All heavy atoms as atom14 arrays in JSON, in Angstrom:
{
  "sequence": "RQGAFSGDGQLRPLWDIGNRTSDGERDLNIALIWVEFAQELGPGE",
  "atom14_mask": [
    [1, 1, 1, 1, 1, 1, 1, 1, 1, 1, 1, 0, 0, 0],
    [1, 1, 1, 1, 1, 1, 1, 1, 1, 0, 0, 0, 0, 0],
    [1, 1, 1, 1, 0, 0, 0, 0, 0, 0, 0, 0, 0, 0],
    [1, 1, 1, 1, 1, 0, 0, 0, 0, 0, 0, 0, 0, 0],
    [1, 1, 1, 1, 1, 1, 1, 1, 1, 1, 1, 0, 0, 0],
    [1, 1, 1, 1, 1, 1, 0, 0, 0, 0, 0, 0, 0, 0],
    [1, 1, 1, 1, 0, 0, 0, 0, 0, 0, 0, 0, 0, 0],
    [1, 1, 1, 1, 1, 1, 1, 1, 0, 0, 0, 0, 0, 0],
    [1, 1, 1, 1, 0, 0, 0, 0, 0, 0, 0, 0, 0, 0],
    [1, 1, 1, 1, 1, 1, 1, 1, 1, 0, 0, 0, 0, 0],
    [1, 1, 1, 1, 1, 1, 1, 1, 0, 0, 0, 0, 0, 0],
    [1, 1, 1, 1, 1, 1, 1, 1, 1, 1, 1, 0, 0, 0],
    [1, 1, 1, 1, 1, 1, 1, 0, 0, 0, 0, 0, 0, 0],
    [1, 1, 1, 1, 1, 1, 1, 1, 0, 0, 0, 0, 0, 0],
    [1, 1, 1, 1, 1, 1, 1, 1, 1, 1, 1, 1, 1, 1],
    [1, 1, 1, 1, 1, 1, 1, 1, 0, 0, 0, 0, 0, 0],
    [1, 1, 1, 1, 1, 1, 1, 1, 0, 0, 0, 0, 0, 0],
    [1, 1, 1, 1, 0, 0, 0, 0, 0, 0, 0, 0, 0, 0],
    [1, 1, 1, 1, 1, 1, 1, 1, 0, 0, 0, 0, 0, 0],
    [1, 1, 1, 1, 1, 1, 1, 1, 1, 1, 1, 0, 0, 0],
    [1, 1, 1, 1, 1, 1, 1, 0, 0, 0, 0, 0, 0, 0],
    [1, 1, 1, 1, 1, 1, 0, 0, 0, 0, 0, 0, 0, 0],
    [1, 1, 1, 1, 1, 1, 1, 1, 0, 0, 0, 0, 0, 0],
    [1, 1, 1, 1, 0, 0, 0, 0, 0, 0, 0, 0, 0, 0],
    [1, 1, 1, 1, 1, 1, 1, 1, 1, 0, 0, 0, 0, 0],
    [1, 1, 1, 1, 1, 1, 1, 1, 1, 1, 1, 0, 0, 0],
    [1, 1, 1, 1, 1, 1, 1, 1, 0, 0, 0, 0, 0, 0],
    [1, 1, 1, 1, 1, 1, 1, 1, 0, 0, 0, 0, 0, 0],
    [1, 1, 1, 1, 1, 1, 1, 1, 0, 0, 0, 0, 0, 0],
    [1, 1, 1, 1, 1, 1, 1, 1, 0, 0, 0, 0, 0, 0],
    [1, 1, 1, 1, 1, 0, 0, 0, 0, 0, 0, 0, 0, 0],
    [1, 1, 1, 1, 1, 1, 1, 1, 0, 0, 0, 0, 0, 0],
    [1, 1, 1, 1, 1, 1, 1, 1, 0, 0, 0, 0, 0, 0],
    [1, 1, 1, 1, 1, 1, 1, 1, 1, 1, 1, 1, 1, 1],
    [1, 1, 1, 1, 1, 1, 1, 0, 0, 0, 0, 0, 0, 0],
    [1, 1, 1, 1, 1, 1, 1, 1, 1, 0, 0, 0, 0, 0],
    [1, 1, 1, 1, 1, 1, 1, 1, 1, 1, 1, 0, 0, 0],
    [1, 1, 1, 1, 1, 0, 0, 0, 0, 0, 0, 0, 0, 0],
    [1, 1, 1, 1, 1, 1, 1, 1, 1, 0, 0, 0, 0, 0],
    [1, 1, 1, 1, 1, 1, 1, 1, 1, 0, 0, 0, 0, 0],
    [1, 1, 1, 1, 1, 1, 1, 1, 0, 0, 0, 0, 0, 0],
    [1, 1, 1, 1, 0, 0, 0, 0, 0, 0, 0, 0, 0, 0],
    [1, 1, 1, 1, 1, 1, 1, 0, 0, 0, 0, 0, 0, 0],
    [1, 1, 1, 1, 0, 0, 0, 0, 0, 0, 0, 0, 0, 0],
    [1, 1, 1, 1, 1, 1, 1, 1, 1, 0, 0, 0, 0, 0]
  ],
  "atom14_positions": [
    [[0.83, -1.25, 0.0], [-0.02, 0.01, -0.02], [0.89, 1.27, 0.07], [2.0, 1.2, 0.52], [-0.93, 0.04, 1.28], [-1.82, -1.15, 1.45], [-2.58, -1.06, 2.73], [-3.36, 0.24, 2.71], [-4.58, 0.44, 2.21], [-5.22, -0.63, 1.66], [-5.22, 1.5, 2.3], [0.0, 0.0, 0.0], [0.0, 0.0, 0.0], [0.0, 0.0, 0.0]],
    [[0.3, 2.35, -0.57], [0.93, 3.59, -0.39], [0.78, 4.37, 0.84], [1.52, 5.23, 1.15], [0.43, 4.44, -1.64], [0.92, 3.88, -3.01], [2.29, 3.71, -3.16], [3.01, 4.65, -2.95], [2.75, 2.53, -3.51], [0.0, 0.0, 0.0], [0.0, 0.0, 0.0], [0.0, 0.0, 0.0], [0.0, 0.0, 0.0], [0.0, 0.0, 0.0]],
    [[-0.34, 4.11, 1.52], [-0.72, 4.78, 2.81], [-1.33, 3.87, 3.71], [-1.69, 2.64, 3.48], [0.0, 0.0, 0.0], [0.0, 0.0, 0.0], [0.0, 0.0, 0.0], [0.0, 0.0, 0.0], [0.0, 0.0, 0.0], [0.0, 0.0, 0.0], [0.0, 0.0, 0.0], [0.0, 0.0, 0.0], [0.0, 0.0, 0.0], [0.0, 0.0, 0.0]],
    [[-1.57, 4.35, 4.96], [-2.25, 3.71, 6.02], [-3.75, 3.56, 5.77], [-4.3, 4.28, 4.98], [-2.01, 4.31, 7.35], [0.0, 0.0, 0.0], [0.0, 0.0, 0.0], [0.0, 0.0, 0.0], [0.0, 0.0, 0.0], [0.0, 0.0, 0.0], [0.0, 0.0, 0.0], [0.0, 0.0, 0.0], [0.0, 0.0, 0.0], [0.0, 0.0, 0.0]],
    [[-4.34, 2.55, 6.39], [-5.81, 2.5, 6.39], [-6.32, 2.41, 7.78], [-5.65, 2.16, 8.71], [-6.31, 1.21, 5.61], [-6.06, -0.01, 6.3], [-6.79, -0.62, 7.25], [-4.83, -0.85, 5.97], [-6.48, -1.82, 7.95], [-4.52, -2.0, 6.62], [-5.36, -2.55, 7.55], [0.0, 0.0, 0.0], [0.0, 0.0, 0.0], [0.0, 0.0, 0.0]],
    [[-7.57, 3.02, 7.82], [-8.21, 3.19, 9.16], [-8.49, 1.67, 9.73], [-9.01, 0.79, 9.01], [-9.47, 3.95, 9.01], [-10.26, 3.96, 10.3], [0.0, 0.0, 0.0], [0.0, 0.0, 0.0], [0.0, 0.0, 0.0], [0.0, 0.0, 0.0], [0.0, 0.0, 0.0], [0.0, 0.0, 0.0], [0.0, 0.0, 0.0], [0.0, 0.0, 0.0]],
    [[-8.24, 1.4, 10.98], [-8.31, 0.23, 11.56], [-9.52, -0.09, 12.29], [-9.74, -0.99, 13.09], [0.0, 0.0, 0.0], [0.0, 0.0, 0.0], [0.0, 0.0, 0.0], [0.0, 0.0, 0.0], [0.0, 0.0, 0.0], [0.0, 0.0, 0.0], [0.0, 0.0, 0.0], [0.0, 0.0, 0.0], [0.0, 0.0, 0.0], [0.0, 0.0, 0.0]],
    [[-10.74, 0.52, 11.92], [-11.89, 0.5, 12.77], [-13.03, -0.18, 11.94], [-14.18, 0.05, 12.24], [-12.39, 1.89, 13.18], [-12.79, 2.83, 12.03], [-12.62, 2.34, 10.85], [-13.27, 3.89, 12.19], [0.0, 0.0, 0.0], [0.0, 0.0, 0.0], [0.0, 0.0, 0.0], [0.0, 0.0, 0.0], [0.0, 0.0, 0.0], [0.0, 0.0, 0.0]],
    [[-12.7, -1.24, 11.28], [-13.71, -2.22, 10.67], [-14.37, -1.79, 9.54], [-15.34, -2.26, 9.22], [0.0, 0.0, 0.0], [0.0, 0.0, 0.0], [0.0, 0.0, 0.0], [0.0, 0.0, 0.0], [0.0, 0.0, 0.0], [0.0, 0.0, 0.0], [0.0, 0.0, 0.0], [0.0, 0.0, 0.0], [0.0, 0.0, 0.0], [0.0, 0.0, 0.0]],
    [[-13.84, -0.75, 8.83], [-14.54, -0.25, 7.62], [-13.94, -0.89, 6.22], [-14.56, -0.99, 5.29], [-14.59, 1.28, 7.54], [-15.35, 1.84, 8.73], [-15.38, 3.24, 8.74], [-15.65, 3.85, 7.62], [-15.12, 3.95, 9.87], [0.0, 0.0, 0.0], [0.0, 0.0, 0.0], [0.0, 0.0, 0.0], [0.0, 0.0, 0.0], [0.0, 0.0, 0.0]],
    [[-12.65, -1.26, 6.37], [-11.99, -1.84, 5.17], [-12.4, -3.24, 5.04], [-12.54, -3.96, 5.93], [-10.36, -1.79, 5.41], [-9.6, -2.16, 4.15], [-9.8, -1.19, 2.98], [-8.15, -2.34, 4.59], [0.0, 0.0, 0.0], [0.0, 0.0, 0.0], [0.0, 0.0, 0.0], [0.0, 0.0, 0.0], [0.0, 0.0, 0.0], [0.0, 0.0, 0.0]],
    [[-12.77, -3.64, 3.68], [-13.12, -4.93, 3.31], [-12.21, -5.66, 2.41], [-12.47, -5.73, 1.15], [-14.55, -4.86, 2.71], [-15.59, -4.2, 3.56], [-16.88, -3.98, 2.8], [-17.15, -5.01, 1.87], [-18.47, -5.34, 1.77], [-19.44, -4.7, 2.22], [-18.87, -6.42, 1.01], [0.0, 0.0, 0.0], [0.0, 0.0, 0.0], [0.0, 0.0, 0.0]],
    [[-11.01, -5.94, 2.77], [-10.04, -6.51, 1.82], [-10.49, -7.97, 1.49], [-11.27, -8.7, 2.12], [-8.75, -6.49, 2.63], [-9.13, -6.61, 4.08], [-10.52, -5.8, 4.06], [0.0, 0.0, 0.0], [0.0, 0.0, 0.0], [0.0, 0.0, 0.0], [0.0, 0.0, 0.0], [0.0, 0.0, 0.0], [0.0, 0.0, 0.0], [0.0, 0.0, 0.0]],
    [[-9.9, -8.42, 0.34], [-10.0, -9.85, -0.09], [-8.9, -10.65, 0.56], [-7.72, -10.14, 0.52], [-9.94, -9.89, -1.59], [-11.07, -9.15, -2.38], [-10.7, -9.06, -3.9], [-12.34, -9.85, -2.12], [0.0, 0.0, 0.0], [0.0, 0.0, 0.0], [0.0, 0.0, 0.0], [0.0, 0.0, 0.0], [0.0, 0.0, 0.0], [0.0, 0.0, 0.0]],
    [[-9.19, -11.85, 0.84], [-8.23, -12.79, 1.55], [-8.2, -14.09, 0.75], [-9.18, -14.69, 0.45], [-8.76, -13.08, 2.9], [-8.95, -11.9, 3.83], [-10.01, -11.02, 3.89], [-7.95, -11.31, 4.68], [-9.69, -9.99, 4.84], [-8.45, -10.11, 5.21], [-6.59, -11.65, 4.97], [-7.85, -9.34, 6.2], [-5.9, -10.86, 5.87], [-6.52, -9.75, 6.48]],
    [[-6.92, -14.45, 0.54], [-6.69, -15.66, -0.16], [-6.35, -16.66, 1.05], [-5.21, -16.73, 1.59], [-5.55, -15.61, -1.17], [-5.3, -16.97, -1.87], [-5.96, -17.99, -1.47], [-4.28, -17.0, -2.68], [0.0, 0.0, 0.0], [0.0, 0.0, 0.0], [0.0, 0.0, 0.0], [0.0, 0.0, 0.0], [0.0, 0.0, 0.0], [0.0, 0.0, 0.0]],
    [[-7.38, -17.59, 1.33], [-7.19, -18.55, 2.38], [-6.98, -19.88, 1.85], [-7.24, -20.9, 2.61], [-8.29, -18.54, 3.42], [-9.6, -18.65, 2.82], [-8.26, -17.06, 4.2], [-10.74, -18.87, 3.8], [0.0, 0.0, 0.0], [0.0, 0.0, 0.0], [0.0, 0.0, 0.0], [0.0, 0.0, 0.0], [0.0, 0.0, 0.0], [0.0, 0.0, 0.0]],
    [[-6.8, -20.08, 0.54], [-6.57, -21.33, -0.07], [-7.83, -22.04, -0.71], [-7.66, -23.17, -1.22], [0.0, 0.0, 0.0], [0.0, 0.0, 0.0], [0.0, 0.0, 0.0], [0.0, 0.0, 0.0], [0.0, 0.0, 0.0], [0.0, 0.0, 0.0], [0.0, 0.0, 0.0], [0.0, 0.0, 0.0], [0.0, 0.0, 0.0], [0.0, 0.0, 0.0]],
    [[-9.02, -21.39, -0.67], [-10.22, -21.87, -1.31], [-10.03, -21.83, -2.75], [-9.3, -21.03, -3.4], [-11.33, -21.15, -0.88], [-11.84, -21.38, 0.55], [-11.41, -22.42, 1.18], [-12.44, -20.55, 1.16], [0.0, 0.0, 0.0], [0.0, 0.0, 0.0], [0.0, 0.0, 0.0], [0.0, 0.0, 0.0], [0.0, 0.0, 0.0], [0.0, 0.0, 0.0]],
    [[-10.78, -22.71, -3.43], [-10.66, -22.87, -4.94], [-12.23, -22.9, -5.45], [-13.06, -23.45, -4.72], [-9.96, -24.25, -5.31], [-8.56, -24.12, -5.16], [-7.76, -23.33, -5.94], [-6.33, -23.35, -5.63], [-5.59, -22.28, -5.89], [-5.96, -21.18, -6.3], [-4.38, -22.35, -5.42], [0.0, 0.0, 0.0], [0.0, 0.0, 0.0], [0.0, 0.0, 0.0]],
    [[-12.44, -22.4, -6.67], [-13.76, -22.48, -7.19], [-13.94, -23.94, -7.73], [-12.9, -24.7, -7.74], [-13.79, -21.46, -8.46], [-12.93, -21.84, -9.38], [-13.65, -19.99, -7.92], [0.0, 0.0, 0.0], [0.0, 0.0, 0.0], [0.0, 0.0, 0.0], [0.0, 0.0, 0.0], [0.0, 0.0, 0.0], [0.0, 0.0, 0.0], [0.0, 0.0, 0.0]],
    [[-15.01, -24.17, -8.27], [-15.34, -25.56, -8.75], [-14.45, -25.89, -9.96], [-14.16, -27.07, -10.23], [-16.82, -25.7, -9.17], [-17.12, -24.66, -10.06], [0.0, 0.0, 0.0], [0.0, 0.0, 0.0], [0.0, 0.0, 0.0], [0.0, 0.0, 0.0], [0.0, 0.0, 0.0], [0.0, 0.0, 0.0], [0.0, 0.0, 0.0], [0.0, 0.0, 0.0]],
    [[-14.01, -24.88, -10.7], [-13.14, -25.14, -11.84], [-11.63, -25.05, -11.49], [-10.74, -25.0, -12.36], [-13.52, -24.22, -13.02], [-13.37, -22.77, -12.71], [-13.19, -22.32, -11.64], [-13.5, -21.96, -13.76], [0.0, 0.0, 0.0], [0.0, 0.0, 0.0], [0.0, 0.0, 0.0], [0.0, 0.0, 0.0], [0.0, 0.0, 0.0], [0.0, 0.0, 0.0]],
    [[-11.34, -25.0, -10.22], [-9.97, -24.95, -9.81], [-9.3, -23.61, -9.55], [-8.16, -23.59, -9.16], [0.0, 0.0, 0.0], [0.0, 0.0, 0.0], [0.0, 0.0, 0.0], [0.0, 0.0, 0.0], [0.0, 0.0, 0.0], [0.0, 0.0, 0.0], [0.0, 0.0, 0.0], [0.0, 0.0, 0.0], [0.0, 0.0, 0.0], [0.0, 0.0, 0.0]],
    [[-9.97, -22.58, -9.91], [-9.31, -21.24, -9.82], [-9.34, -20.76, -8.36], [-10.06, -21.25, -7.55], [-10.24, -20.14, -10.66], [-10.24, -20.45, -12.15], [-8.85, -20.34, -12.8], [-8.08, -19.51, -12.48], [-8.48, -21.21, -13.58], [0.0, 0.0, 0.0], [0.0, 0.0, 0.0], [0.0, 0.0, 0.0], [0.0, 0.0, 0.0], [0.0, 0.0, 0.0]],
    [[-8.38, -19.9, -8.07], [-8.25, -19.31, -6.87], [-9.52, -18.58, -6.37], [-10.09, -17.85, -7.23], [-7.06, -18.33, -6.77], [-6.76, -17.72, -5.36], [-5.57, -16.98, -5.38], [-5.62, -15.82, -6.13], [-4.81, -14.85, -6.12], [-3.82, -14.75, -5.46], [-5.13, -13.72, -7.02], [0.0, 0.0, 0.0], [0.0, 0.0, 0.0], [0.0, 0.0, 0.0]],
    [[-10.18, -18.68, -5.31], [-11.34, -18.07, -4.78], [-10.98, -17.11, -3.49], [-10.5, -17.72, -2.61], [-12.37, -19.1, -4.33], [-13.81, -18.58, -4.12], [-13.98, -17.34, -4.58], [-14.66, -19.33, -3.65], [0.0, 0.0, 0.0], [0.0, 0.0, 0.0], [0.0, 0.0, 0.0], [0.0, 0.0, 0.0], [0.0, 0.0, 0.0], [0.0, 0.0, 0.0]],
    [[-11.14, -15.88, -3.69], [-10.95, -14.91, -2.71], [-12.15, -14.69, -1.77], [-13.31, -14.76, -2.31], [-10.49, -13.6, -3.25], [-9.16, -13.68, -4.09], [-8.83, -12.43, -4.72], [-7.99, -14.26, -3.29], [0.0, 0.0, 0.0], [0.0, 0.0, 0.0], [0.0, 0.0, 0.0], [0.0, 0.0, 0.0], [0.0, 0.0, 0.0], [0.0, 0.0, 0.0]],
    [[-11.98, -14.49, -0.58], [-13.04, -14.25, 0.42], [-12.96, -12.9, 1.1], [-11.83, -12.3, 1.12], [-12.98, -15.33, 1.58], [-13.03, -16.76, 0.88], [-12.03, -17.41, 0.75], [-14.3, -17.21, 0.7], [0.0, 0.0, 0.0], [0.0, 0.0, 0.0], [0.0, 0.0, 0.0], [0.0, 0.0, 0.0], [0.0, 0.0, 0.0], [0.0, 0.0, 0.0]],
    [[-14.1, -12.39, 1.34], [-14.11, -10.89, 1.97], [-14.27, -11.04, 3.46], [-15.14, -11.78, 3.92], [-15.34, -10.16, 1.29], [-15.15, -10.03, -0.2], [-15.3, -8.87, 2.03], [-16.22, -9.41, -0.87], [0.0, 0.0, 0.0], [0.0, 0.0, 0.0], [0.0, 0.0, 0.0], [0.0, 0.0, 0.0], [0.0, 0.0, 0.0], [0.0, 0.0, 0.0]],
    [[-13.55, -10.2, 4.07], [-13.69, -9.99, 5.57], [-13.38, -8.59, 5.98], [-12.43, -8.07, 5.44], [-12.84, -10.99, 6.36], [0.0, 0.0, 0.0], [0.0, 0.0, 0.0], [0.0, 0.0, 0.0], [0.0, 0.0, 0.0], [0.0, 0.0, 0.0], [0.0, 0.0, 0.0], [0.0, 0.0, 0.0], [0.0, 0.0, 0.0], [0.0, 0.0, 0.0]],
    [[-14.19, -7.97, 6.79], [-13.88, -6.59, 7.38], [-12.75, -6.92, 8.38], [-12.43, -8.0, 8.96], [-15.03, -6.16, 8.14], [-16.34, -5.88, 7.24], [-17.45, -5.62, 8.27], [-16.03, -4.57, 6.53], [0.0, 0.0, 0.0], [0.0, 0.0, 0.0], [0.0, 0.0, 0.0], [0.0, 0.0, 0.0], [0.0, 0.0, 0.0], [0.0, 0.0, 0.0]],
    [[-11.92, -5.85, 8.54], [-10.69, -5.92, 9.45], [-10.77, -4.83, 10.46], [-11.11, -3.66, 10.1], [-9.5, -5.82, 8.6], [-8.17, -6.06, 9.34], [-9.38, -4.56, 7.66], [-6.98, -6.21, 8.6], [0.0, 0.0, 0.0], [0.0, 0.0, 0.0], [0.0, 0.0, 0.0], [0.0, 0.0, 0.0], [0.0, 0.0, 0.0], [0.0, 0.0, 0.0]],
    [[-10.49, -5.23, 11.75], [-10.44, -4.34, 12.82], [-9.03, -4.47, 13.41], [-8.6, -5.53, 13.83], [-11.45, -4.63, 13.92], [-11.45, -3.59, 14.91], [-10.55, -3.31, 16.02], [-12.52, -2.54, 15.24], [-10.93, -2.27, 16.7], [-12.12, -1.77, 16.3], [-13.65, -2.36, 14.45], [-12.84, -0.76, 16.73], [-14.45, -1.24, 14.89], [-14.16, -0.54, 16.09]],
    [[-8.23, -3.36, 13.45], [-6.9, -3.48, 13.88], [-6.95, -3.22, 15.4], [-7.57, -2.22, 15.79], [-5.96, -2.37, 13.33], [-4.52, -2.36, 13.9], [-5.95, -2.56, 11.74], [0.0, 0.0, 0.0], [0.0, 0.0, 0.0], [0.0, 0.0, 0.0], [0.0, 0.0, 0.0], [0.0, 0.0, 0.0], [0.0, 0.0, 0.0], [0.0, 0.0, 0.0]],
    [[-6.41, -4.09, 16.15], [-6.49, -3.96, 17.61], [-5.36, -2.97, 18.09], [-4.16, -3.08, 17.64], [-6.25, -5.4, 18.31], [-7.43, -6.29, 18.03], [-7.34, -7.59, 18.87], [-6.41, -8.34, 18.69], [-8.3, -7.78, 19.72], [0.0, 0.0, 0.0], [0.0, 0.0, 0.0], [0.0, 0.0, 0.0], [0.0, 0.0, 0.0], [0.0, 0.0, 0.0]],
    [[-5.71, -2.18, 19.12], [-4.75, -1.31, 19.72], [-4.07, -0.28, 18.8], [-2.96, 0.14, 19.26], [-3.69, -2.16, 20.51], [-4.37, -3.26, 21.31], [-4.07, -4.61, 20.9], [-5.13, -3.09, 22.35], [-4.46, -5.72, 21.55], [-5.71, -4.13, 23.12], [-5.44, -5.44, 22.79], [0.0, 0.0, 0.0], [0.0, 0.0, 0.0], [0.0, 0.0, 0.0]],
    [[-4.74, 0.1, 17.77], [-4.12, 1.06, 16.88], [-5.22, 1.58, 16.11], [-6.15, 0.93, 15.7], [-3.03, 0.41, 15.92], [0.0, 0.0, 0.0], [0.0, 0.0, 0.0], [0.0, 0.0, 0.0], [0.0, 0.0, 0.0], [0.0, 0.0, 0.0], [0.0, 0.0, 0.0], [0.0, 0.0, 0.0], [0.0, 0.0, 0.0], [0.0, 0.0, 0.0]],
    [[-5.06, 2.81, 15.72], [-6.08, 3.62, 14.92], [-5.98, 3.28, 13.45], [-7.06, 3.27, 12.74], [-5.97, 5.1, 15.12], [-6.05, 5.67, 16.64], [-7.55, 6.14, 16.81], [-8.24, 6.59, 15.93], [-7.92, 6.1, 18.03], [0.0, 0.0, 0.0], [0.0, 0.0, 0.0], [0.0, 0.0, 0.0], [0.0, 0.0, 0.0], [0.0, 0.0, 0.0]],
    [[-4.78, 2.95, 13.07], [-4.6, 2.69, 11.68], [-3.41, 1.75, 11.46], [-2.62, 1.55, 12.38], [-4.39, 3.92, 10.77], [-3.19, 4.78, 11.26], [-3.05, 6.1, 10.43], [-4.07, 6.55, 9.9], [-1.98, 6.61, 10.41], [0.0, 0.0, 0.0], [0.0, 0.0, 0.0], [0.0, 0.0, 0.0], [0.0, 0.0, 0.0], [0.0, 0.0, 0.0]],
    [[-3.28, 1.14, 10.3], [-2.1, 0.32, 10.0], [-1.55, 0.75, 8.6], [-2.21, 0.92, 7.62], [-2.51, -1.19, 9.89], [-1.5, -2.1, 9.73], [-0.61, -2.16, 11.03], [-2.05, -3.53, 9.58], [0.0, 0.0, 0.0], [0.0, 0.0, 0.0], [0.0, 0.0, 0.0], [0.0, 0.0, 0.0], [0.0, 0.0, 0.0], [0.0, 0.0, 0.0]],
    [[-0.22, 1.0, 8.64], [0.5, 1.53, 7.47], [1.46, 0.55, 6.81], [1.65, -0.52, 7.35], [0.0, 0.0, 0.0], [0.0, 0.0, 0.0], [0.0, 0.0, 0.0], [0.0, 0.0, 0.0], [0.0, 0.0, 0.0], [0.0, 0.0, 0.0], [0.0, 0.0, 0.0], [0.0, 0.0, 0.0], [0.0, 0.0, 0.0], [0.0, 0.0, 0.0]],
    [[1.9, 0.91, 5.61], [2.86, 0.11, 4.97], [4.0, -0.33, 5.74], [4.67, 0.45, 6.59], [3.5, 0.92, 3.91], [2.34, 1.98, 3.7], [1.65, 2.32, 5.01], [0.0, 0.0, 0.0], [0.0, 0.0, 0.0], [0.0, 0.0, 0.0], [0.0, 0.0, 0.0], [0.0, 0.0, 0.0], [0.0, 0.0, 0.0], [0.0, 0.0, 0.0]],
    [[4.35, -1.6, 5.84], [5.46, -2.18, 6.56], [5.19, -2.45, 7.96], [6.03, -2.9, 8.75], [0.0, 0.0, 0.0], [0.0, 0.0, 0.0], [0.0, 0.0, 0.0], [0.0, 0.0, 0.0], [0.0, 0.0, 0.0], [0.0, 0.0, 0.0], [0.0, 0.0, 0.0], [0.0, 0.0, 0.0], [0.0, 0.0, 0.0], [0.0, 0.0, 0.0]],
    [[4.09, -2.19, 8.45], [3.67, -2.16, 10.0], [2.95, -3.57, 10.32], [2.37, -4.23, 9.23], [2.85, -1.11, 10.42], [3.42, 0.15, 10.43], [2.59, 1.4, 10.84], [1.28, 1.17, 10.75], [2.99, 2.43, 11.12], [0.0, 0.0, 0.0], [0.0, 0.0, 0.0], [0.0, 0.0, 0.0], [0.0, 0.0, 0.0], [0.0, 0.0, 0.0]]
  ]
}
């Protein structure tokens, strides 16, 4: 990333947890993210 994101549960990134579609393609899953003990999370943190 180029900048930090707010850690209060508003960001909805895609996650690759190893799931596959029926045709074998990578399947990404969505989960909101809450950063504990910090207002935001930045590059390299």
